[in-house]
PDB file of N, CA and C in Angstrom:
ATOM      1  N   MET A   1       9.958  -5.731 -10.338  1.00  0.00           N
ATOM      2  CA  MET A   1      10.833  -5.808  -9.182  1.00  0.00           C
ATOM      3  C   MET A   1      10.000  -6.278  -7.994  1.00  0.00           C
ATOM      4  N   GLU A   2      10.482  -7.291  -7.319  1.00  0.00           N
ATOM      5  CA  GLU A   2       9.802  -7.797  -6.130  1.00  0.00           C
ATOM      6  C   GLU A   2       9.867  -6.769  -5.006  1.00  0.00           C
ATOM      7  N   LEU A   3       8.905  -6.809  -4.109  1.00  0.00           N
ATOM      8  CA  LEU A   3       8.847  -5.861  -3.002  1.00  0.00           C
ATOM      9  C   LEU A   3      10.128  -5.904  -2.156  1.00  0.00           C
ATOM     10  N   ASN A   4      10.610  -7.095  -1.831  1.00  0.00           N
ATOM     11  CA  ASN A   4      11.833  -7.202  -1.028  1.00  0.00           C
ATOM     12  C   ASN A   4      13.000  -6.501  -1.710  1.00  0.00           C
ATOM     13  N   ALA A   5      13.135  -6.691  -3.011  1.00  0.00           N
ATOM     14  CA  ALA A   5      14.223  -6.059  -3.759  1.00  0.00           C
ATOM     15  C   ALA A   5      14.042  -4.545  -3.808  1.00  0.00           C
ATOM     16  N   ALA A   6      12.812  -4.086  -3.938  1.00  0.00           N
ATOM     17  CA  ALA A   6      12.547  -2.650  -3.982  1.00  0.00           C
ATOM     18  C   ALA A   6      12.890  -1.986  -2.648  1.00  0.00           C
ATOM     19  N   VAL A   7      12.521  -2.630  -1.552  1.00  0.00           N
ATOM     20  CA  VAL A   7      12.839  -2.071  -0.233  1.00  0.00           C
ATOM     21  C   VAL A   7      14.347  -2.103  -0.002  1.00  0.00           C
ATOM     22  N   ALA A   8      15.004  -3.178  -0.416  1.00  0.00           N
ATOM     23  CA  ALA A   8      16.463  -3.254  -0.284  1.00  0.00           C
ATOM     24  C   ALA A   8      17.137  -2.143  -1.085  1.00  0.00           C
ATOM     25  N   LYS A   9      16.643  -1.877  -2.292  1.00  0.00           N
ATOM     26  CA  LYS A   9      17.192  -0.800  -3.114  1.00  0.00           C
ATOM     27  C   LYS A   9      16.969   0.551  -2.440  1.00  0.00           C
ATOM     28  N   TYR A  10      15.772   0.760  -1.915  1.00  0.00           N
ATOM     29  CA  TYR A  10      15.448   1.999  -1.212  1.00  0.00           C
ATOM     30  C   TYR A  10      16.433   2.228  -0.060  1.00  0.00           C
ATOM     31  N   LEU A  11      16.646   1.199   0.764  1.00  0.00           N
ATOM     32  CA  LEU A  11      17.553   1.332   1.913  1.00  0.00           C
ATOM     33  C   LEU A  11      19.004   1.494   1.472  1.00  0.00           C
ATOM     34  N   GLU A  12      19.368   0.881   0.360  1.00  0.00           N
ATOM     35  CA  GLU A  12      20.719   1.048  -0.186  1.00  0.00           C
ATOM     36  C   GLU A  12      20.960   2.507  -0.566  1.00  0.00           C
ATOM     37  N   VAL A  13      19.940   3.141  -1.130  1.00  0.00           N
ATOM     38  CA  VAL A  13      20.079   4.518  -1.605  1.00  0.00           C
ATOM     39  C   VAL A  13      19.979   5.532  -0.470  1.00  0.00           C
ATOM     40  N   VAL A  14      18.956   5.415   0.369  1.00  0.00           N
ATOM     41  CA  VAL A  14      18.719   6.460   1.382  1.00  0.00           C
ATOM     42  C   VAL A  14      19.188   6.091   2.784  1.00  0.00           C
ATOM     43  N   LYS A  15      19.555   4.836   2.987  1.00  0.00           N
ATOM     44  CA  LYS A  15      20.169   4.343   4.231  1.00  0.00           C
ATOM     45  C   LYS A  15      19.232   4.136   5.406  1.00  0.00           C
ATOM     46  N   GLU A  16      18.050   4.736   5.416  1.00  0.00           N
ATOM     47  CA  GLU A  16      17.112   4.532   6.518  1.00  0.00           C
ATOM     48  C   GLU A  16      15.689   4.814   6.033  1.00  0.00           C
ATOM     49  N   TYR A  17      14.734   4.252   6.748  1.00  0.00           N
ATOM     50  CA  TYR A  17      13.332   4.477   6.419  1.00  0.00           C
ATOM     51  C   TYR A  17      12.965   5.945   6.638  1.00  0.00           C
ATOM     52  N   ARG A  18      11.866   6.359   6.006  1.00  0.00           N
ATOM     53  CA  ARG A  18      11.266   7.686   6.137  1.00  0.00           C
ATOM     54  C   ARG A  18      12.100   8.790   5.512  1.00  0.00           C
ATOM     55  N   GLN A  19      12.977   8.423   4.580  1.00  0.00           N
ATOM     56  CA  GLN A  19      13.758   9.411   3.836  1.00  0.00           C
ATOM     57  C   GLN A  19      13.284   9.393   2.383  1.00  0.00           C
ATOM     58  N   PRO A  20      13.158  10.532   1.741  1.00  0.00           N
ATOM     59  CA  PRO A  20      12.709  10.556   0.349  1.00  0.00           C
ATOM     60  C   PRO A  20      13.784  10.034  -0.597  1.00  0.00           C
ATOM     61  N   MET A  21      13.342   9.273  -1.572  1.00  0.00           N
ATOM     62  CA  MET A  21      14.236   8.754  -2.608  1.00  0.00           C
ATOM     63  C   MET A  21      13.611   9.053  -3.967  1.00  0.00           C
ATOM     64  N   PRO A  22      14.390   9.592  -4.896  1.00  0.00           N
ATOM     65  CA  PRO A  22      13.852   9.793  -6.245  1.00  0.00           C
ATOM     66  C   PRO A  22      13.401   8.453  -6.832  1.00  0.00           C
ATOM     67  N   LEU A  23      12.254   8.444  -7.463  1.00  0.00           N
ATOM     68  CA  LEU A  23      11.751   7.204  -8.067  1.00  0.00           C
ATOM     69  C   LEU A  23      12.719   6.667  -9.116  1.00  0.00           C
ATOM     70  N   SER A  24      13.449   7.542  -9.767  1.00  0.00           N
ATOM     71  CA  SER A  24      14.406   7.100 -10.783  1.00  0.00           C
ATOM     72  C   SER A  24      15.507   6.218 -10.187  1.00  0.00           C
ATOM     73  N   SER A  25      15.721   6.306  -8.877  1.00  0.00           N
ATOM     74  CA  SER A  25      16.760   5.498  -8.225  1.00  0.00           C
ATOM     75  C   SER A  25      16.458   4.011  -8.229  1.00  0.00           C
ATOM     76  N   PHE A  26      15.208   3.624  -8.493  1.00  0.00           N
ATOM     77  CA  PHE A  26      14.895   2.201  -8.616  1.00  0.00           C
ATOM     78  C   PHE A  26      15.570   1.607  -9.850  1.00  0.00           C
ATOM     79  N   GLY A  27      15.887   2.458 -10.819  1.00  0.00           N
ATOM     80  CA  GLY A  27      16.583   1.997 -12.013  1.00  0.00           C
ATOM     81  C   GLY A  27      15.738   1.156 -12.952  1.00  0.00           C
ATOM     82  N   LEU A  28      14.439   1.346 -12.913  1.00  0.00           N
ATOM     83  CA  LEU A  28      13.533   0.578 -13.763  1.00  0.00           C
ATOM     84  C   LEU A  28      13.061   1.421 -14.939  1.00  0.00           C
ATOM     85  N   PRO A  29      12.687   0.766 -16.038  1.00  0.00           N
ATOM     86  CA  PRO A  29      12.054   1.507 -17.136  1.00  0.00           C
ATOM     87  C   PRO A  29      10.778   2.182 -16.624  1.00  0.00           C
ATOM     88  N   LYS A  30      10.463   3.331 -17.193  1.00  0.00           N
ATOM     89  CA  LYS A  30       9.330   4.133 -16.728  1.00  0.00           C
ATOM     90  C   LYS A  30       8.037   3.331 -16.642  1.00  0.00           C
ATOM     91  N   ASP A  31       7.689   2.592 -17.684  1.00  0.00           N
ATOM     92  CA  ASP A  31       6.421   1.857 -17.674  1.00  0.00           C
ATOM     93  C   ASP A  31       6.402   0.766 -16.603  1.00  0.00           C
ATOM     94  N   GLU A  32       7.535   0.114 -16.382  1.00  0.00           N
ATOM     95  CA  GLU A  32       7.612  -0.928 -15.358  1.00  0.00           C
ATOM     96  C   GLU A  32       7.486  -0.320 -13.953  1.00  0.00           C
ATOM     97  N   LEU A  33       8.145   0.806 -13.723  1.00  0.00           N
ATOM     98  CA  LEU A  33       8.074   1.471 -12.423  1.00  0.00           C
ATOM     99  C   LEU A  33       6.662   1.970 -12.147  1.00  0.00           C
ATOM    100  N   GLU A  34       6.038   2.576 -13.147  1.00  0.00           N
ATOM    101  CA  GLU A  34       4.672   3.069 -12.972  1.00  0.00           C
ATOM    102  C   GLU A  34       3.703   1.932 -12.678  1.00  0.00           C
ATOM    103  N   ALA A  35       3.874   0.798 -13.349  1.00  0.00           N
ATOM    104  CA  ALA A  35       3.008  -0.363 -13.091  1.00  0.00           C
ATOM    105  C   ALA A  35       3.229  -0.902 -11.679  1.00  0.00           C
ATOM    106  N   MET A  36       4.486  -0.989 -11.246  1.00  0.00           N
ATOM    107  CA  MET A  36       4.801  -1.487  -9.911  1.00  0.00           C
ATOM    108  C   MET A  36       4.184  -0.581  -8.846  1.00  0.00           C
ATOM    109  N   LEU A  37       4.396   0.727  -8.979  1.00  0.00           N
ATOM    110  CA  LEU A  37       3.871   1.661  -7.990  1.00  0.00           C
ATOM    111  C   LEU A  37       2.344   1.704  -8.016  1.00  0.00           C
ATOM    112  N   GLY A  38       1.755   1.576  -9.188  1.00  0.00           N
ATOM    113  CA  GLY A  38       0.299   1.533  -9.290  1.00  0.00           C
ATOM    114  C   GLY A  38      -0.278   0.326  -8.572  1.00  0.00           C
ATOM    115  N   ALA A  39       0.377  -0.819  -8.717  1.00  0.00           N
ATOM    116  CA  ALA A  39      -0.071  -2.029  -8.025  1.00  0.00           C
ATOM    117  C   ALA A  39       0.061  -1.859  -6.515  1.00  0.00           C
ATOM    118  N   TRP A  40       1.182  -1.279  -6.072  1.00  0.00           N
ATOM    119  CA  TRP A  40       1.357  -1.033  -4.632  1.00  0.00           C
ATOM    120  C   TRP A  40       0.280  -0.079  -4.123  1.00  0.00           C
ATOM    121  N   ASP A  41       0.009   0.967  -4.889  1.00  0.00           N
ATOM    122  CA  ASP A  41      -0.950   1.985  -4.470  1.00  0.00           C
ATOM    123  C   ASP A  41      -2.356   1.401  -4.341  1.00  0.00           C
ATOM    124  N   GLU A  42      -2.683   0.425  -5.162  1.00  0.00           N
ATOM    125  CA  GLU A  42      -4.002  -0.198  -5.118  1.00  0.00           C
ATOM    126  C   GLU A  42      -4.111  -1.276  -4.044  1.00  0.00           C
ATOM    127  N   ASP A  43      -2.988  -1.743  -3.530  1.00  0.00           N
ATOM    128  CA  ASP A  43      -2.980  -2.818  -2.537  1.00  0.00           C
ATOM    129  C   ASP A  43      -3.139  -2.228  -1.135  1.00  0.00           C
ATOM    130  N   TYR A  44      -4.255  -2.509  -0.513  1.00  0.00           N
ATOM    131  CA  TYR A  44      -4.555  -1.964   0.816  1.00  0.00           C
ATOM    132  C   TYR A  44      -3.452  -2.266   1.826  1.00  0.00           C
ATOM    133  N   HIS A  45      -2.892  -3.454   1.776  1.00  0.00           N
ATOM    134  CA  HIS A  45      -1.880  -3.867   2.748  1.00  0.00           C
ATOM    135  C   HIS A  45      -0.534  -3.181   2.527  1.00  0.00           C
ATOM    136  N   LEU A  46      -0.263  -2.715   1.320  1.00  0.00           N
ATOM    137  CA  LEU A  46       0.998  -2.036   1.035  1.00  0.00           C
ATOM    138  C   LEU A  46       0.878  -0.519   1.093  1.00  0.00           C
ATOM    139  N   HIS A  47      -0.231   0.005   0.628  1.00  0.00           N
ATOM    140  CA  HIS A  47      -0.407   1.447   0.463  1.00  0.00           C
ATOM    141  C   HIS A  47      -0.089   2.239   1.728  1.00  0.00           C
ATOM    142  N   ARG A  48      -0.411   1.720   2.874  1.00  0.00           N
ATOM    143  CA  ARG A  48      -0.207   2.473   4.121  1.00  0.00           C
ATOM    144  C   ARG A  48       1.249   2.516   4.567  1.00  0.00           C
ATOM    145  N   HIS A  49       2.123   1.784   3.890  1.00  0.00           N
ATOM    146  CA  HIS A  49       3.528   1.704   4.295  1.00  0.00           C
ATOM    147  C   HIS A  49       4.448   2.610   3.476  1.00  0.00           C
ATOM    148  N   PHE A  50       3.899   3.398   2.568  1.00  0.00           N
ATOM    149  CA  PHE A  50       4.740   4.292   1.768  1.00  0.00           C
ATOM    150  C   PHE A  50       3.969   5.546   1.381  1.00  0.00           C
ATOM    151  N   GLU A  51       4.711   6.565   1.004  1.00  0.00           N
ATOM    152  CA  GLU A  51       4.130   7.808   0.494  1.00  0.00           C
ATOM    153  C   GLU A  51       4.811   8.134  -0.827  1.00  0.00           C
ATOM    154  N   LEU A  52       4.021   8.488  -1.808  1.00  0.00           N
ATOM    155  CA  LEU A  52       4.560   8.995  -3.061  1.00  0.00           C
ATOM    156  C   LEU A  52       4.521  10.515  -2.986  1.00  0.00           C
ATOM    157  N   LEU A  53       5.608  11.148  -3.399  1.00  0.00           N
ATOM    158  CA  LEU A  53       5.720  12.601  -3.323  1.00  0.00           C
ATOM    159  C   LEU A  53       5.642  13.213  -4.714  1.00  0.00           C
ATOM    160  N   SER A  54       4.806  14.240  -4.832  1.00  0.00           N
ATOM    161  CA  SER A  54       4.720  14.957  -6.099  1.00  0.00           C
ATOM    162  C   SER A  54       5.960  15.827  -6.258  1.00  0.00           C
ATOM    163  N   PRO A  55       6.257  16.261  -7.477  1.00  0.00           N
ATOM    164  CA  PRO A  55       7.434  17.121  -7.678  1.00  0.00           C
ATOM    165  C   PRO A  55       7.411  18.377  -6.813  1.00  0.00           C
ATOM    166  N   ASP A  56       6.234  18.910  -6.539  1.00  0.00           N
ATOM    167  CA  ASP A  56       6.139  20.113  -5.710  1.00  0.00           C
ATOM    168  C   ASP A  56       6.354  19.816  -4.231  1.00  0.00           C
ATOM    169  N   ALA A  57       6.157  18.577  -3.818  1.00  0.00           N
ATOM    170  CA  ALA A  57       6.262  18.223  -2.403  1.00  0.00           C
ATOM    171  C   ALA A  57       7.601  17.605  -2.040  1.00  0.00           C
ATOM    172  N   ASP A  58       8.372  17.185  -3.033  1.00  0.00           N
ATOM    173  CA  ASP A  58       9.620  16.522  -2.671  1.00  0.00           C
ATOM    174  C   ASP A  58      10.632  17.538  -2.157  1.00  0.00           C
ATOM    175  N   PRO A  59      11.481  17.116  -1.217  1.00  0.00           N
ATOM    176  CA  PRO A  59      12.454  18.038  -0.632  1.00  0.00           C
ATOM    177  C   PRO A  59      13.521  18.463  -1.634  1.00  0.00           C
ATOM    178  N   SER A  60      14.155  19.576  -1.362  1.00  0.00           N
ATOM    179  CA  SER A  60      15.122  20.146  -2.308  1.00  0.00           C
ATOM    180  C   SER A  60      16.253  19.179  -2.648  1.00  0.00           C
ATOM    181  N   GLY A  61      16.644  18.315  -1.724  1.00  0.00           N
ATOM    182  CA  GLY A  61      17.722  17.370  -1.990  1.00  0.00           C
ATOM    183  C   GLY A  61      17.361  16.338  -3.045  1.00  0.00           C
ATOM    184  N   VAL A  62      16.080  16.143  -3.305  1.00  0.00           N
ATOM    185  CA  VAL A  62      15.627  15.164  -4.287  1.00  0.00           C
ATOM    186  C   VAL A  62      15.416  15.818  -5.650  1.00  0.00           C
ATOM    187  N   ARG A  63      15.167  17.101  -5.681  1.00  0.00           N
ATOM    188  CA  ARG A  63      14.758  17.768  -6.916  1.00  0.00           C
ATOM    189  C   ARG A  63      15.747  17.657  -8.061  1.00  0.00           C
ATOM    190  N   GLU A  64      17.042  17.604  -7.777  1.00  0.00           N
ATOM    191  CA  GLU A  64      17.991  17.574  -8.889  1.00  0.00           C
ATOM    192  C   GLU A  64      17.868  16.303  -9.729  1.00  0.00           C
ATOM    193  N   ASN A  65      17.323  15.236  -9.174  1.00  0.00           N
ATOM    194  CA  ASN A  65      17.138  13.976  -9.902  1.00  0.00           C
ATOM    195  C   ASN A  65      15.686  13.763 -10.303  1.00  0.00           C
ATOM    196  N   ARG A  66      14.928  14.832 -10.332  1.00  0.00           N
ATOM    197  CA  ARG A  66      13.493  14.694 -10.518  1.00  0.00           C
ATOM    198  C   ARG A  66      13.122  14.214 -11.920  1.00  0.00           C
ATOM    199  N   ALA A  67      12.496  13.096 -11.964  1.00  0.00           N
ATOM    200  CA  ALA A  67      11.795  12.616 -13.153  1.00  0.00           C
ATOM    201  C   ALA A  67      10.389  12.335 -12.660  1.00  0.00           C
ATOM    202  N   THR A  68       9.388  12.644 -13.428  1.00  0.00           N
ATOM    203  CA  THR A  68       8.010  12.468 -12.978  1.00  0.00           C
ATOM    204  C   THR A  68       7.424  11.200 -13.572  1.00  0.00           C
ATOM    205  N   TYR A  69       6.745  10.450 -12.726  1.00  0.00           N
ATOM    206  CA  TYR A  69       6.120   9.190 -13.098  1.00  0.00           C
ATOM    207  C   TYR A  69       4.634   9.290 -12.796  1.00  0.00           C
ATOM    208  N   SER A  70       3.820   8.711 -13.661  1.00  0.00           N
ATOM    209  CA  SER A  70       2.378   8.754 -13.497  1.00  0.00           C
ATOM    210  C   SER A  70       1.896   7.486 -12.789  1.00  0.00           C
ATOM    211  N   VAL A  71       1.222   7.696 -11.666  1.00  0.00           N
ATOM    212  CA  VAL A  71       0.642   6.592 -10.908  1.00  0.00           C
ATOM    213  C   VAL A  71      -0.820   6.920 -10.691  1.00  0.00           C
ATOM    214  N   ARG A  72      -1.679   6.132 -11.322  1.00  0.00           N
ATOM    215  CA  ARG A  72      -3.126   6.324 -11.240  1.00  0.00           C
ATOM    216  C   ARG A  72      -3.527   7.750 -11.627  1.00  0.00           C
ATOM    217  N   GLY A  73      -2.839   8.278 -12.647  1.00  0.00           N
ATOM    218  CA  GLY A  73      -3.182   9.574 -13.201  1.00  0.00           C
ATOM    219  C   GLY A  73      -2.548  10.777 -12.513  1.00  0.00           C
ATOM    220  N   LEU A  74      -1.755  10.545 -11.480  1.00  0.00           N
ATOM    221  CA  LEU A  74      -1.095  11.644 -10.776  1.00  0.00           C
ATOM    222  C   LEU A  74       0.412  11.547 -10.960  1.00  0.00           C
ATOM    223  N   GLY A  75       1.097  12.688 -10.952  1.00  0.00           N
ATOM    224  CA  GLY A  75       2.536  12.716 -11.161  1.00  0.00           C
ATOM    225  C   GLY A  75       3.301  12.678  -9.844  1.00  0.00           C
ATOM    226  N   TYR A  76       4.303  11.804  -9.785  1.00  0.00           N
ATOM    227  CA  TYR A  76       5.137  11.661  -8.588  1.00  0.00           C
ATOM    228  C   TYR A  76       6.601  11.602  -8.995  1.00  0.00           C
ATOM    229  N   SER A  77       7.467  12.036  -8.070  1.00  0.00           N
ATOM    230  CA  SER A  77       8.898  12.022  -8.364  1.00  0.00           C
ATOM    231  C   SER A  77       9.737  11.336  -7.293  1.00  0.00           C
ATOM    232  N   ALA A  78       9.152  11.070  -6.116  1.00  0.00           N
ATOM    233  CA  ALA A  78       9.921  10.473  -5.025  1.00  0.00           C
ATOM    234  C   ALA A  78       9.015   9.573  -4.190  1.00  0.00           C
ATOM    235  N   ILE A  79       9.652   8.745  -3.379  1.00  0.00           N
ATOM    236  CA  ILE A  79       8.929   7.841  -2.484  1.00  0.00           C
ATOM    237  C   ILE A  79       9.560   7.889  -1.099  1.00  0.00           C
ATOM    238  N   VAL A  80       8.719   7.733  -0.097  1.00  0.00           N
ATOM    239  CA  VAL A  80       9.156   7.557   1.285  1.00  0.00           C
ATOM    240  C   VAL A  80       8.552   6.235   1.746  1.00  0.00           C
ATOM    241  N   ILE A  81       9.391   5.327   2.198  1.00  0.00           N
ATOM    242  CA  ILE A  81       8.905   4.038   2.703  1.00  0.00           C
ATOM    243  C   ILE A  81       9.044   4.049   4.221  1.00  0.00           C
ATOM    244  N   HIS A  82       7.986   3.620   4.888  1.00  0.00           N
ATOM    245  CA  HIS A  82       7.974   3.564   6.345  1.00  0.00           C
ATOM    246  C   HIS A  82       8.513   2.207   6.820  1.00  0.00           C
ATOM    247  N   GLU A  83       9.110   2.215   7.981  1.00  0.00           N
ATOM    248  CA  GLU A  83       9.649   0.976   8.545  1.00  0.00           C
ATOM    249  C   GLU A  83       8.559  -0.080   8.720  1.00  0.00           C
ATOM    250  N   SER A  84       7.324   0.332   8.834  1.00  0.00           N
ATOM    251  CA  SER A  84       6.223  -0.610   8.992  1.00  0.00           C
ATOM    252  C   SER A  84       6.096  -1.568   7.809  1.00  0.00           C
ATOM    253  N   ILE A  85       6.763  -1.276   6.695  1.00  0.00           N
ATOM    254  CA  ILE A  85       6.741  -2.186   5.542  1.00  0.00           C
ATOM    255  C   ILE A  85       7.275  -3.556   5.931  1.00  0.00           C
ATOM    256  N   ARG A  86       8.095  -3.582   6.966  1.00  0.00           N
ATOM    257  CA  ARG A  86       8.663  -4.856   7.439  1.00  0.00           C
ATOM    258  C   ARG A  86       7.576  -5.849   7.816  1.00  0.00           C
ATOM    259  N   GLU A  87       6.398  -5.353   8.183  1.00  0.00           N
ATOM    260  CA  GLU A  87       5.278  -6.219   8.559  1.00  0.00           C
ATOM    261  C   GLU A  87       4.824  -7.109   7.403  1.00  0.00           C
ATOM    262  N   VAL A  88       5.039  -6.662   6.179  1.00  0.00           N
ATOM    263  CA  VAL A  88       4.557  -7.420   5.024  1.00  0.00           C
ATOM    264  C   VAL A  88       5.676  -8.100   4.236  1.00  0.00           C
ATOM    265  N   LEU A  89       6.923  -7.853   4.617  1.00  0.00           N
ATOM    266  CA  LEU A  89       8.039  -8.473   3.910  1.00  0.00           C
ATOM    267  C   LEU A  89       8.222  -9.921   4.337  1.00  0.00           C
ATOM    268  N   ALA A  90       8.816 -10.692   3.468  1.00  0.00           N
ATOM    269  CA  ALA A  90       9.127 -12.088   3.786  1.00  0.00           C
ATOM    270  C   ALA A  90      10.095 -12.134   4.965  1.00  0.00           C
ATOM    271  N   PRO A  91      10.027 -13.176   5.788  1.00  0.00           N
ATOM    272  CA  PRO A  91      10.886 -13.274   6.969  1.00  0.00           C
ATOM    273  C   PRO A  91      12.378 -13.241   6.665  1.00  0.00           C
ATOM    274  N   ASN A  92      12.767 -13.629   5.474  1.00  0.00           N
ATOM    275  CA  ASN A  92      14.199 -13.665   5.150  1.00  0.00           C
ATOM    276  C   ASN A  92      14.705 -12.361   4.539  1.00  0.00           C
ATOM    277  N   ALA A  93      13.860 -11.314   4.534  1.00  0.00           N
ATOM    278  CA  ALA A  93      14.278 -10.037   3.956  1.00  0.00           C
ATOM    279  C   ALA A  93      15.312  -9.367   4.846  1.00  0.00           C
ATOM    280  N   ASN A  94      16.123  -8.509   4.243  1.00  0.00           N
ATOM    281  CA  ASN A  94      17.148  -7.770   4.979  1.00  0.00           C
ATOM    282  C   ASN A  94      16.524  -6.537   5.614  1.00  0.00           C
ATOM    283  N   HIS A  95      16.440  -6.539   6.943  1.00  0.00           N
ATOM    284  CA  HIS A  95      15.874  -5.410   7.673  1.00  0.00           C
ATOM    285  C   HIS A  95      16.934  -4.707   8.499  1.00  0.00           C
ATOM    286  N   ASP A  96      18.187  -4.972   8.282  1.00  0.00           N
ATOM    287  CA  ASP A  96      19.243  -4.476   9.147  1.00  0.00           C
ATOM    288  C   ASP A  96      19.735  -3.088   8.792  1.00  0.00           C
ATOM    289  N   ALA A  97      19.232  -2.471   7.767  1.00  0.00           N
ATOM    290  CA  ALA A  97      19.771  -1.193   7.301  1.00  0.00           C
ATOM    291  C   ALA A  97      19.152  -0.031   8.063  1.00  0.00           C
ATOM    292  N   ALA A  98      19.787   0.389   9.098  1.00  0.00           N
ATOM    293  CA  ALA A  98      19.496   1.607   9.867  1.00  0.00           C
ATOM    294  C   ALA A  98      18.018   1.960   9.984  1.00  0.00           C
ATOM    295  N   PRO A  99      17.211   1.149  10.654  1.00  0.00           N
ATOM    296  CA  PRO A  99      15.802   1.492  10.821  1.00  0.00           C
ATOM    297  C   PRO A  99      15.644   2.744  11.671  1.00  0.00           C
ATOM    298  N   ASN A 100      14.540   3.417  11.481  1.00  0.00           N
ATOM    299  CA  ASN A 100      14.289   4.654  12.196  1.00  0.00           C
ATOM    300  C   ASN A 100      12.933   4.548  12.878  1.00  0.00           C
ATOM    301  N   ALA A 101      12.820   3.618  13.819  1.00  0.00           N
ATOM    302  CA  ALA A 101      11.552   3.310  14.472  1.00  0.00           C
ATOM    303  C   ALA A 101      11.022   4.493  15.265  1.00  0.00           C
ATOM    304  N   ALA A 102      11.882   5.261  15.890  1.00  0.00           N
ATOM    305  CA  ALA A 102      11.421   6.399  16.683  1.00  0.00           C
ATOM    306  C   ALA A 102      10.677   7.402  15.813  1.00  0.00           C
ATOM    307  N   ASN A 103      11.208   7.693  14.635  1.00  0.00           N
ATOM    308  CA  ASN A 103      10.530   8.627  13.734  1.00  0.00           C
ATOM    309  C   ASN A 103       9.236   8.050  13.207  1.00  0.00           C
ATOM    310  N   ASP A 104       9.209   6.752  12.892  1.00  0.00           N
ATOM    311  CA  ASP A 104       7.979   6.125  12.425  1.00  0.00           C
ATOM    312  C   ASP A 104       6.907   6.192  13.505  1.00  0.00           C
ATOM    313  N   ALA A 105       7.281   5.895  14.751  1.00  0.00           N
ATOM    314  CA  ALA A 105       6.322   5.911  15.850  1.00  0.00           C
ATOM    315  C   ALA A 105       5.789   7.326  16.065  1.00  0.00           C
ATOM    316  N   ALA A 106       6.682   8.322  16.003  1.00  0.00           N
ATOM    317  CA  ALA A 106       6.249   9.706  16.181  1.00  0.00           C
ATOM    318  C   ALA A 106       5.318  10.133  15.069  1.00  0.00           C
ATOM    319  N   HIS A 107       5.641   9.732  13.820  1.00  0.00           N
ATOM    320  CA  HIS A 107       4.796  10.084  12.679  1.00  0.00           C
ATOM    321  C   HIS A 107       3.429   9.411  12.795  1.00  0.00           C
ATOM    322  N   ASP A 108       3.423   8.137  13.185  1.00  0.00           N
ATOM    323  CA  ASP A 108       2.164   7.392  13.302  1.00  0.00           C
ATOM    324  C   ASP A 108       1.270   7.981  14.385  1.00  0.00           C
ATOM    325  N   ALA A 109       1.857   8.626  15.406  1.00  0.00           N
ATOM    326  CA  ALA A 109       1.090   9.205  16.502  1.00  0.00           C
ATOM    327  C   ALA A 109       0.417  10.511  16.090  1.00  0.00           C
ATOM    328  N   GLU A 110       0.860  11.110  14.985  1.00  0.00           N
ATOM    329  CA  GLU A 110       0.303  12.403  14.544  1.00  0.00           C
ATOM    330  C   GLU A 110      -1.120  12.259  14.065  1.00  0.00           C
TER     331      GLU A 110
END
């Protein structure tokens, strides 16, 4: 899955940046999803724009859909994508889905 499509899917599911989404919501086979997330995690330019959440760290609203995926030897069940991902997306990507810049700015200031 291309990055633009993954971000579009994320926004389709959670409606705004900085909200947890179960990894299973990408709708990809386990091995394909793990490879995609592993590549993102290793990419310096992408890694800072998302957080992978372990099953113990994901919020209660995500737990009912919990499936665990292995990324670089660690188990994760959800993802949070920051609005800053827009910096690396192609110019023609859809960025109109309810951005939450105030929360991103507040989080980045921490």
